Amino acid sequence: MNNLPEGNLSFEPLTRILYGAVPTKPLLTGVELRVFSHLTEPRSAESLASEIGSHPDNTRLFLDGLVANKLLYKQDERYRKTPLAGAFLVEDRRRISATR
């Protein structure tokens, strides 16, 4: 049985991104690289880059783009997923908290 997202979350922000020209690629790349699933706790760009095998500076720029699209939060150079990303973009919601 699949766990459904919380009833008070709207898919509308993701729809807006999917229909936009620029934000679509970062969203799809983030899903493909499992960025949202890797952010089980706040992490630095360097830490995530090491895990997914990417360049640290490019990863930071990419994550900043996801912050601009309101899919991640950034505080003290550490990134964490928003509740929206946690609810709809994480590979296995049973293991990963939506608000971390």
PDB file of N, CA and C in Angstrom:
ATOM      1  N   MET A   1       0.837  -1.176   0.000  1.00  0.00           N
ATOM      2  CA  MET A   1       0.000   0.000   0.000  1.00  0.00           C
ATOM      3  C   MET A   1       0.883   1.240   0.000  1.00  0.00           C
ATOM      4  N   ASN A   2       0.588   2.190  -0.863  1.00  0.00           N
ATOM      5  CA  ASN A   2       1.371   3.420  -0.950  1.00  0.00           C
ATOM      6  C   ASN A   2       0.905   4.428   0.086  1.00  0.00           C
ATOM      7  N   ASN A   3       1.865   5.137   0.661  1.00  0.00           N
ATOM      8  CA  ASN A   3       1.530   6.226   1.569  1.00  0.00           C
ATOM      9  C   ASN A   3       1.236   7.464   0.745  1.00  0.00           C
ATOM     10  N   LEU A   4       0.121   8.095   0.989  1.00  0.00           N
ATOM     11  CA  LEU A   4      -0.240   9.313   0.271  1.00  0.00           C
ATOM     12  C   LEU A   4       0.299  10.521   1.013  1.00  0.00           C
ATOM     13  N   PRO A   5       0.590  11.610   0.268  1.00  0.00           N
ATOM     14  CA  PRO A   5       1.058  12.829   0.932  1.00  0.00           C
ATOM     15  C   PRO A   5      -0.017  13.403   1.841  1.00  0.00           C
ATOM     16  N   GLU A   6       0.431  14.253   2.750  1.00  0.00           N
ATOM     17  CA  GLU A   6      -0.509  14.911   3.646  1.00  0.00           C
ATOM     18  C   GLU A   6      -1.588  15.621   2.848  1.00  0.00           C
ATOM     19  N   GLY A   7      -2.796  15.640   3.362  1.00  0.00           N
ATOM     20  CA  GLY A   7      -3.932  16.229   2.662  1.00  0.00           C
ATOM     21  C   GLY A   7      -3.850  17.725   2.476  1.00  0.00           C
ATOM     22  N   ASN A   8      -3.038  18.421   3.257  1.00  0.00           N
ATOM     23  CA  ASN A   8      -2.987  19.873   3.144  1.00  0.00           C
ATOM     24  C   ASN A   8      -1.908  20.356   2.174  1.00  0.00           C
ATOM     25  N   LEU A   9      -1.196  19.448   1.509  1.00  0.00           N
ATOM     26  CA  LEU A   9      -0.195  19.844   0.524  1.00  0.00           C
ATOM     27  C   LEU A   9      -0.810  19.868  -0.864  1.00  0.00           C
ATOM     28  N   SER A  10      -0.467  20.886  -1.613  1.00  0.00           N
ATOM     29  CA  SER A  10      -0.971  21.021  -2.973  1.00  0.00           C
ATOM     30  C   SER A  10       0.122  20.657  -3.971  1.00  0.00           C
ATOM     31  N   PHE A  11      -0.245  19.967  -5.015  1.00  0.00           N
ATOM     32  CA  PHE A  11       0.676  19.617  -6.104  1.00  0.00           C
ATOM     33  C   PHE A  11       0.866  20.794  -7.054  1.00  0.00           C
ATOM     34  N   GLU A  12       0.104  21.854  -6.892  1.00  0.00           N
ATOM     35  CA  GLU A  12       0.104  23.006  -7.803  1.00  0.00           C
ATOM     36  C   GLU A  12       1.487  23.610  -8.027  1.00  0.00           C
ATOM     37  N   PRO A  13       2.338  23.797  -7.007  1.00  0.00           N
ATOM     38  CA  PRO A  13       3.669  24.346  -7.279  1.00  0.00           C
ATOM     39  C   PRO A  13       4.491  23.464  -8.224  1.00  0.00           C
ATOM     40  N   LEU A  14       4.355  22.147  -8.107  1.00  0.00           N
ATOM     41  CA  LEU A  14       5.073  21.254  -9.019  1.00  0.00           C
ATOM     42  C   LEU A  14       4.507  21.360 -10.425  1.00  0.00           C
ATOM     43  N   THR A  15       3.218  21.502 -10.550  1.00  0.00           N
ATOM     44  CA  THR A  15       2.598  21.686 -11.861  1.00  0.00           C
ATOM     45  C   THR A  15       3.114  22.957 -12.509  1.00  0.00           C
ATOM     46  N   ARG A  16       3.227  24.020 -11.738  1.00  0.00           N
ATOM     47  CA  ARG A  16       3.728  25.295 -12.261  1.00  0.00           C
ATOM     48  C   ARG A  16       5.164  25.132 -12.772  1.00  0.00           C
ATOM     49  N   ILE A  17       5.991  24.393 -12.043  1.00  0.00           N
ATOM     50  CA  ILE A  17       7.361  24.152 -12.480  1.00  0.00           C
ATOM     51  C   ILE A  17       7.381  23.317 -13.757  1.00  0.00           C
ATOM     52  N   LEU A  18       6.582  22.255 -13.800  1.00  0.00           N
ATOM     53  CA  LEU A  18       6.576  21.372 -14.959  1.00  0.00           C
ATOM     54  C   LEU A  18       6.152  22.086 -16.234  1.00  0.00           C
ATOM     55  N   TYR A  19       5.287  23.080 -16.122  1.00  0.00           N
ATOM     56  CA  TYR A  19       4.844  23.814 -17.301  1.00  0.00           C
ATOM     57  C   TYR A  19       5.740  24.999 -17.627  1.00  0.00           C
ATOM     58  N   GLY A  20       6.693  25.299 -16.763  1.00  0.00           N
ATOM     59  CA  GLY A  20       7.639  26.380 -17.017  1.00  0.00           C
ATOM     60  C   GLY A  20       8.819  25.871 -17.821  1.00  0.00           C
ATOM     61  N   ALA A  21       9.428  26.727 -18.611  1.00  0.00           N
ATOM     62  CA  ALA A  21      10.530  26.316 -19.476  1.00  0.00           C
ATOM     63  C   ALA A  21      11.812  26.069 -18.680  1.00  0.00           C
ATOM     64  N   VAL A  22      12.194  26.977 -17.815  1.00  0.00           N
ATOM     65  CA  VAL A  22      13.474  26.874 -17.125  1.00  0.00           C
ATOM     66  C   VAL A  22      13.442  25.923 -15.935  1.00  0.00           C
ATOM     67  N   PRO A  23      12.455  25.982 -15.050  1.00  0.00           N
ATOM     68  CA  PRO A  23      12.502  25.147 -13.842  1.00  0.00           C
ATOM     69  C   PRO A  23      12.335  23.648 -14.076  1.00  0.00           C
ATOM     70  N   THR A  24      11.845  23.232 -15.233  1.00  0.00           N
ATOM     71  CA  THR A  24      11.569  21.821 -15.453  1.00  0.00           C
ATOM     72  C   THR A  24      12.827  20.964 -15.391  1.00  0.00           C
ATOM     73  N   LYS A  25      13.892  21.382 -16.026  1.00  0.00           N
ATOM     74  CA  LYS A  25      15.107  20.572 -16.087  1.00  0.00           C
ATOM     75  C   LYS A  25      15.716  20.339 -14.700  1.00  0.00           C
ATOM     76  N   PRO A  26      15.866  21.378 -13.858  1.00  0.00           N
ATOM     77  CA  PRO A  26      16.390  21.095 -12.511  1.00  0.00           C
ATOM     78  C   PRO A  26      15.512  20.131 -11.717  1.00  0.00           C
ATOM     79  N   LEU A  27      14.194  20.269 -11.838  1.00  0.00           N
ATOM     80  CA  LEU A  27      13.288  19.362 -11.133  1.00  0.00           C
ATOM     81  C   LEU A  27      13.519  17.929 -11.595  1.00  0.00           C
ATOM     82  N   LEU A  28      13.520  17.708 -12.898  1.00  0.00           N
ATOM     83  CA  LEU A  28      13.691  16.359 -13.434  1.00  0.00           C
ATOM     84  C   LEU A  28      15.081  15.798 -13.127  1.00  0.00           C
ATOM     85  N   THR A  29      16.095  16.645 -13.189  1.00  0.00           N
ATOM     86  CA  THR A  29      17.448  16.213 -12.855  1.00  0.00           C
ATOM     87  C   THR A  29      17.545  15.843 -11.380  1.00  0.00           C
ATOM     88  N   GLY A  30      16.907  16.639 -10.523  1.00  0.00           N
ATOM     89  CA  GLY A  30      16.893  16.338  -9.097  1.00  0.00           C
ATOM     90  C   GLY A  30      16.252  14.991  -8.802  1.00  0.00           C
ATOM     91  N   VAL A  31      15.171  14.688  -9.500  1.00  0.00           N
ATOM     92  CA  VAL A  31      14.507  13.387  -9.323  1.00  0.00           C
ATOM     93  C   VAL A  31      15.406  12.274  -9.852  1.00  0.00           C
ATOM     94  N   GLU A  32      15.979  12.484 -11.032  1.00  0.00           N
ATOM     95  CA  GLU A  32      16.835  11.465 -11.651  1.00  0.00           C
ATOM     96  C   GLU A  32      18.051  11.145 -10.784  1.00  0.00           C
ATOM     97  N   LEU A  33      18.658  12.169 -10.196  1.00  0.00           N
ATOM     98  CA  LEU A  33      19.827  11.969  -9.342  1.00  0.00           C
ATOM     99  C   LEU A  33      19.460  11.587  -7.912  1.00  0.00           C
ATOM    100  N   ARG A  34      18.151  11.534  -7.636  1.00  0.00           N
ATOM    101  CA  ARG A  34      17.635  11.181  -6.310  1.00  0.00           C
ATOM    102  C   ARG A  34      18.086  12.170  -5.241  1.00  0.00           C
ATOM    103  N   VAL A  35      18.263  13.429  -5.639  1.00  0.00           N
ATOM    104  CA  VAL A  35      18.709  14.475  -4.715  1.00  0.00           C
ATOM    105  C   VAL A  35      17.782  14.558  -3.511  1.00  0.00           C
ATOM    106  N   PHE A  36      16.487  14.542  -3.757  1.00  0.00           N
ATOM    107  CA  PHE A  36      15.525  14.703  -2.664  1.00  0.00           C
ATOM    108  C   PHE A  36      15.557  13.505  -1.717  1.00  0.00           C
ATOM    109  N   SER A  37      15.803  12.323  -2.249  1.00  0.00           N
ATOM    110  CA  SER A  37      15.913  11.132  -1.416  1.00  0.00           C
ATOM    111  C   SER A  37      17.209  11.129  -0.612  1.00  0.00           C
ATOM    112  N   HIS A  38      18.267  11.730  -1.158  1.00  0.00           N
ATOM    113  CA  HIS A  38      19.547  11.794  -0.454  1.00  0.00           C
ATOM    114  C   HIS A  38      19.531  12.798   0.691  1.00  0.00           C
ATOM    115  N   LEU A  39      18.625  13.739   0.655  1.00  0.00           N
ATOM    116  CA  LEU A  39      18.587  14.767   1.697  1.00  0.00           C
ATOM    117  C   LEU A  39      17.727  14.324   2.874  1.00  0.00           C
ATOM    118  N   THR A  40      18.140  13.236   3.512  1.00  0.00           N
ATOM    119  CA  THR A  40      17.427  12.746   4.692  1.00  0.00           C
ATOM    120  C   THR A  40      17.691  13.628   5.901  1.00  0.00           C
ATOM    121  N   GLU A  41      18.743  14.437   5.814  1.00  0.00           N
ATOM    122  CA  GLU A  41      19.085  15.413   6.846  1.00  0.00           C
ATOM    123  C   GLU A  41      19.758  16.583   6.130  1.00  0.00           C
ATOM    124  N   PRO A  42      19.833  17.753   6.757  1.00  0.00           N
ATOM    125  CA  PRO A  42      20.500  18.884   6.104  1.00  0.00           C
ATOM    126  C   PRO A  42      21.950  18.520   5.762  1.00  0.00           C
ATOM    127  N   ARG A  43      22.343  18.838   4.519  1.00  0.00           N
ATOM    128  CA  ARG A  43      23.680  18.474   4.047  1.00  0.00           C
ATOM    129  C   ARG A  43      24.290  19.613   3.250  1.00  0.00           C
ATOM    130  N   SER A  44      25.597  19.637   3.221  1.00  0.00           N
ATOM    131  CA  SER A  44      26.310  20.602   2.394  1.00  0.00           C
ATOM    132  C   SER A  44      26.324  20.119   0.944  1.00  0.00           C
ATOM    133  N   ALA A  45      26.578  21.045   0.039  1.00  0.00           N
ATOM    134  CA  ALA A  45      26.697  20.685  -1.375  1.00  0.00           C
ATOM    135  C   ALA A  45      27.849  19.701  -1.577  1.00  0.00           C
ATOM    136  N   GLU A  46      28.939  19.901  -0.852  1.00  0.00           N
ATOM    137  CA  GLU A  46      30.097  19.031  -0.978  1.00  0.00           C
ATOM    138  C   GLU A  46      29.768  17.597  -0.564  1.00  0.00           C
ATOM    139  N   SER A  47      29.044  17.463   0.521  1.00  0.00           N
ATOM    140  CA  SER A  47      28.662  16.140   1.004  1.00  0.00           C
ATOM    141  C   SER A  47      27.757  15.427  -0.007  1.00  0.00           C
ATOM    142  N   LEU A  48      26.780  16.146  -0.524  1.00  0.00           N
ATOM    143  CA  LEU A  48      25.877  15.552  -1.507  1.00  0.00           C
ATOM    144  C   LEU A  48      26.622  15.229  -2.792  1.00  0.00           C
ATOM    145  N   ALA A  49      27.500  16.129  -3.239  1.00  0.00           N
ATOM    146  CA  ALA A  49      28.275  15.897  -4.461  1.00  0.00           C
ATOM    147  C   ALA A  49      29.100  14.621  -4.346  1.00  0.00           C
ATOM    148  N   SER A  50      29.689  14.409  -3.187  1.00  0.00           N
ATOM    149  CA  SER A  50      30.478  13.202  -2.967  1.00  0.00           C
ATOM    150  C   SER A  50      29.612  11.953  -3.100  1.00  0.00           C
ATOM    151  N   GLU A  51      28.405  12.027  -2.580  1.00  0.00           N
ATOM    152  CA  GLU A  51      27.518  10.854  -2.621  1.00  0.00           C
ATOM    153  C   GLU A  51      26.979  10.570  -4.019  1.00  0.00           C
ATOM    154  N   ILE A  52      26.652  11.618  -4.783  1.00  0.00           N
ATOM    155  CA  ILE A  52      26.061  11.396  -6.110  1.00  0.00           C
ATOM    156  C   ILE A  52      27.107  11.432  -7.227  1.00  0.00           C
ATOM    157  N   GLY A  53      28.372  11.715  -6.875  1.00  0.00           N
ATOM    158  CA  GLY A  53      29.441  11.690  -7.857  1.00  0.00           C
ATOM    159  C   GLY A  53      29.460  12.892  -8.787  1.00  0.00           C
ATOM    160  N   SER A  54      29.207  14.074  -8.234  1.00  0.00           N
ATOM    161  CA  SER A  54      29.194  15.285  -9.053  1.00  0.00           C
ATOM    162  C   SER A  54      30.220  16.291  -8.531  1.00  0.00           C
ATOM    163  N   HIS A  55      30.426  17.344  -9.283  1.00  0.00           N
ATOM    164  CA  HIS A  55      31.383  18.389  -8.918  1.00  0.00           C
ATOM    165  C   HIS A  55      30.774  19.257  -7.817  1.00  0.00           C
ATOM    166  N   PRO A  56      31.491  19.532  -6.733  1.00  0.00           N
ATOM    167  CA  PRO A  56      30.924  20.278  -5.603  1.00  0.00           C
ATOM    168  C   PRO A  56      30.396  21.675  -5.958  1.00  0.00           C
ATOM    169  N   ASP A  57      31.147  22.453  -6.747  1.00  0.00           N
ATOM    170  CA  ASP A  57      30.677  23.807  -7.095  1.00  0.00           C
ATOM    171  C   ASP A  57      29.440  23.758  -7.986  1.00  0.00           C
ATOM    172  N   ASN A  58      29.433  22.834  -8.951  1.00  0.00           N
ATOM    173  CA  ASN A  58      28.256  22.703  -9.816  1.00  0.00           C
ATOM    174  C   ASN A  58      27.052  22.204  -9.023  1.00  0.00           C
ATOM    175  N   THR A  59      27.306  21.339  -8.071  1.00  0.00           N
ATOM    176  CA  THR A  59      26.228  20.835  -7.220  1.00  0.00           C
ATOM    177  C   THR A  59      25.635  21.970  -6.394  1.00  0.00           C
ATOM    178  N   ARG A  60      26.486  22.835  -5.868  1.00  0.00           N
ATOM    179  CA  ARG A  60      25.999  23.982  -5.093  1.00  0.00           C
ATOM    180  C   ARG A  60      25.112  24.880  -5.962  1.00  0.00           C
ATOM    181  N   LEU A  61      25.545  25.168  -7.185  1.00  0.00           N
ATOM    182  CA  LEU A  61      24.742  25.993  -8.091  1.00  0.00           C
ATOM    183  C   LEU A  61      23.410  25.321  -8.412  1.00  0.00           C
ATOM    184  N   PHE A  62      23.461  24.016  -8.636  1.00  0.00           N
ATOM    185  CA  PHE A  62      22.246  23.255  -8.917  1.00  0.00           C
ATOM    186  C   PHE A  62      21.288  23.294  -7.723  1.00  0.00           C
ATOM    187  N   LEU A  63      21.812  23.057  -6.528  1.00  0.00           N
ATOM    188  CA  LEU A  63      20.977  23.079  -5.325  1.00  0.00           C
ATOM    189  C   LEU A  63      20.402  24.470  -5.089  1.00  0.00           C
ATOM    190  N   ASP A  64      21.185  25.507  -5.361  1.00  0.00           N
ATOM    191  CA  ASP A  64      20.663  26.871  -5.236  1.00  0.00           C
ATOM    192  C   ASP A  64      19.497  27.099  -6.194  1.00  0.00           C
ATOM    193  N   GLY A  65      19.555  26.487  -7.374  1.00  0.00           N
ATOM    194  CA  GLY A  65      18.426  26.568  -8.307  1.00  0.00           C
ATOM    195  C   GLY A  65      17.188  25.888  -7.755  1.00  0.00           C
ATOM    196  N   LEU A  66      17.382  24.774  -7.067  1.00  0.00           N
ATOM    197  CA  LEU A  66      16.240  24.095  -6.439  1.00  0.00           C
ATOM    198  C   LEU A  66      15.694  24.920  -5.278  1.00  0.00           C
ATOM    199  N   VAL A  67      16.567  25.663  -4.598  1.00  0.00           N
ATOM    200  CA  VAL A  67      16.110  26.581  -3.552  1.00  0.00           C
ATOM    201  C   VAL A  67      15.257  27.673  -4.187  1.00  0.00           C
ATOM    202  N   ALA A  68      15.713  28.216  -5.309  1.00  0.00           N
ATOM    203  CA  ALA A  68      14.961  29.278  -6.001  1.00  0.00           C
ATOM    204  C   ALA A  68      13.591  28.792  -6.449  1.00  0.00           C
ATOM    205  N   ASN A  69      13.491  27.498  -6.743  1.00  0.00           N
ATOM    206  CA  ASN A  69      12.210  26.912  -7.154  1.00  0.00           C
ATOM    207  C   ASN A  69      11.402  26.403  -5.969  1.00  0.00           C
ATOM    208  N   LYS A  70      11.870  26.715  -4.752  1.00  0.00           N
ATOM    209  CA  LYS A  70      11.159  26.365  -3.517  1.00  0.00           C
ATOM    210  C   LYS A  70      10.993  24.862  -3.303  1.00  0.00           C
ATOM    211  N   LEU A  71      11.994  24.107  -3.777  1.00  0.00           N
ATOM    212  CA  LEU A  71      12.001  22.669  -3.547  1.00  0.00           C
ATOM    213  C   LEU A  71      12.976  22.283  -2.439  1.00  0.00           C
ATOM    214  N   LEU A  72      13.904  23.182  -2.124  1.00  0.00           N
ATOM    215  CA  LEU A  72      14.849  22.995  -1.028  1.00  0.00           C
ATOM    216  C   LEU A  72      14.914  24.270  -0.212  1.00  0.00           C
ATOM    217  N   TYR A  73      15.337  24.115   1.043  1.00  0.00           N
ATOM    218  CA  TYR A  73      15.678  25.242   1.904  1.00  0.00           C
ATOM    219  C   TYR A  73      17.200  25.262   2.027  1.00  0.00           C
ATOM    220  N   LYS A  74      17.766  26.436   2.249  1.00  0.00           N
ATOM    221  CA  LYS A  74      19.207  26.556   2.490  1.00  0.00           C
ATOM    222  C   LYS A  74      19.420  27.396   3.735  1.00  0.00           C
ATOM    223  N   GLN A  75      20.203  26.852   4.656  1.00  0.00           N
ATOM    224  CA  GLN A  75      20.543  27.577   5.871  1.00  0.00           C
ATOM    225  C   GLN A  75      21.952  27.165   6.276  1.00  0.00           C
ATOM    226  N   ASP A  76      22.805  28.154   6.508  1.00  0.00           N
ATOM    227  CA  ASP A  76      24.192  27.900   6.916  1.00  0.00           C
ATOM    228  C   ASP A  76      24.901  26.946   5.951  1.00  0.00           C
ATOM    229  N   GLU A  77      24.703  27.185   4.636  1.00  0.00           N
ATOM    230  CA  GLU A  77      25.349  26.381   3.583  1.00  0.00           C
ATOM    231  C   GLU A  77      24.951  24.903   3.611  1.00  0.00           C
ATOM    232  N   ARG A  78      23.823  24.610   4.244  1.00  0.00           N
ATOM    233  CA  ARG A  78      23.297  23.246   4.266  1.00  0.00           C
ATOM    234  C   ARG A  78      21.905  23.267   3.639  1.00  0.00           C
ATOM    235  N   TYR A  79      21.594  22.215   2.910  1.00  0.00           N
ATOM    236  CA  TYR A  79      20.342  22.126   2.168  1.00  0.00           C
ATOM    237  C   TYR A  79      19.451  21.059   2.776  1.00  0.00           C
ATOM    238  N   ARG A  80      18.165  21.331   2.763  1.00  0.00           N
ATOM    239  CA  ARG A  80      17.178  20.323   3.168  1.00  0.00           C
ATOM    240  C   ARG A  80      15.957  20.483   2.277  1.00  0.00           C
ATOM    241  N   LYS A  81      15.202  19.425   2.135  1.00  0.00           N
ATOM    242  CA  LYS A  81      14.040  19.471   1.244  1.00  0.00           C
ATOM    243  C   LYS A  81      12.866  20.162   1.916  1.00  0.00           C
ATOM    244  N   THR A  82      12.021  20.756   1.103  1.00  0.00           N
ATOM    245  CA  THR A  82      10.797  21.365   1.603  1.00  0.00           C
ATOM    246  C   THR A  82       9.770  20.250   1.827  1.00  0.00           C
ATOM    247  N   PRO A  83       8.709  20.529   2.572  1.00  0.00           N
ATOM    248  CA  PRO A  83       7.656  19.513   2.719  1.00  0.00           C
ATOM    249  C   PRO A  83       7.080  19.077   1.371  1.00  0.00           C
ATOM    250  N   LEU A  84       6.977  19.998   0.419  1.00  0.00           N
ATOM    251  CA  LEU A  84       6.467  19.657  -0.920  1.00  0.00           C
ATOM    252  C   LEU A  84       7.366  18.622  -1.586  1.00  0.00           C
ATOM    253  N   ALA A  85       8.664  18.869  -1.586  1.00  0.00           N
ATOM    254  CA  ALA A  85       9.605  17.913  -2.187  1.00  0.00           C
ATOM    255  C   ALA A  85       9.592  16.597  -1.427  1.00  0.00           C
ATOM    256  N   GLY A  86       9.504  16.668  -0.110  1.00  0.00           N
ATOM    257  CA  GLY A  86       9.456  15.449   0.687  1.00  0.00           C
ATOM    258  C   GLY A  86       8.228  14.611   0.410  1.00  0.00           C
ATOM    259  N   ALA A  87       7.116  15.276   0.156  1.00  0.00           N
ATOM    260  CA  ALA A  87       5.854  14.560  -0.065  1.00  0.00           C
ATOM    261  C   ALA A  87       5.763  13.942  -1.456  1.00  0.00           C
ATOM    262  N   PHE A  88       6.299  14.633  -2.469  1.00  0.00           N
ATOM    263  CA  PHE A  88       6.071  14.187  -3.847  1.00  0.00           C
ATOM    264  C   PHE A  88       7.320  13.711  -4.591  1.00  0.00           C
ATOM    265  N   LEU A  89       8.516  14.004  -4.113  1.00  0.00           N
ATOM    266  CA  LEU A  89       9.712  13.747  -4.916  1.00  0.00           C
ATOM    267  C   LEU A  89      10.701  12.784  -4.279  1.00  0.00           C
ATOM    268  N   VAL A  90      10.378  12.249  -3.123  1.00  0.00           N
ATOM    269  CA  VAL A  90      11.261  11.311  -2.430  1.00  0.00           C
ATOM    270  C   VAL A  90      10.902   9.897  -2.849  1.00  0.00           C
ATOM    271  N   GLU A  91      11.945   9.113  -3.094  1.00  0.00           N
ATOM    272  CA  GLU A  91      11.766   7.761  -3.602  1.00  0.00           C
ATOM    273  C   GLU A  91      11.003   6.846  -2.648  1.00  0.00           C
ATOM    274  N   ASP A  92      11.317   6.864  -1.359  1.00  0.00           N
ATOM    275  CA  ASP A  92      10.664   5.978  -0.412  1.00  0.00           C
ATOM    276  C   ASP A  92      10.279   6.776   0.829  1.00  0.00           C
ATOM    277  N   ARG A  93       9.046   7.260   0.873  1.00  0.00           N
ATOM    278  CA  ARG A  93       8.593   8.129   1.965  1.00  0.00           C
ATOM    279  C   ARG A  93       8.543   7.423   3.304  1.00  0.00           C
ATOM    280  N   ARG A  94       8.483   6.086   3.329  1.00  0.00           N
ATOM    281  CA  ARG A  94       8.420   5.391   4.616  1.00  0.00           C
ATOM    282  C   ARG A  94       9.728   5.539   5.386  1.00  0.00           C
ATOM    283  N   ARG A  95      10.854   5.678   4.677  1.00  0.00           N
ATOM    284  CA  ARG A  95      12.155   5.757   5.321  1.00  0.00           C
ATOM    285  C   ARG A  95      12.608   7.196   5.559  1.00  0.00           C
ATOM    286  N   ILE A  96      12.052   8.136   4.814  1.00  0.00           N
ATOM    287  CA  ILE A  96      12.607   9.488   4.807  1.00  0.00           C
ATOM    288  C   ILE A  96      11.552  10.494   5.250  1.00  0.00           C
ATOM    289  N   SER A  97      11.862  11.281   6.245  1.00  0.00           N
ATOM    290  CA  SER A  97      10.933  12.287   6.746  1.00  0.00           C
ATOM    291  C   SER A  97      10.759  13.412   5.729  1.00  0.00           C
ATOM    292  N   ALA A  98       9.543  13.874   5.533  1.00  0.00           N
ATOM    293  CA  ALA A  98       9.252  14.921   4.557  1.00  0.00           C
ATOM    294  C   ALA A  98       9.800  16.282   4.976  1.00  0.00           C
ATOM    295  N   THR A  99      10.075  16.481   6.230  1.00  0.00           N
ATOM    296  CA  THR A  99      10.491  17.805   6.662  1.00  0.00           C
ATOM    297  C   THR A  99      11.970  17.917   6.970  1.00  0.00           C
ATOM    298  N   ARG A 100      12.716  16.879   6.795  1.00  0.00           N
ATOM    299  CA  ARG A 100      14.160  16.953   7.077  1.00  0.00           C
ATOM    300  C   ARG A 100      14.880  17.697   5.998  1.00  0.00           C
TER     301      ARG A 100
END
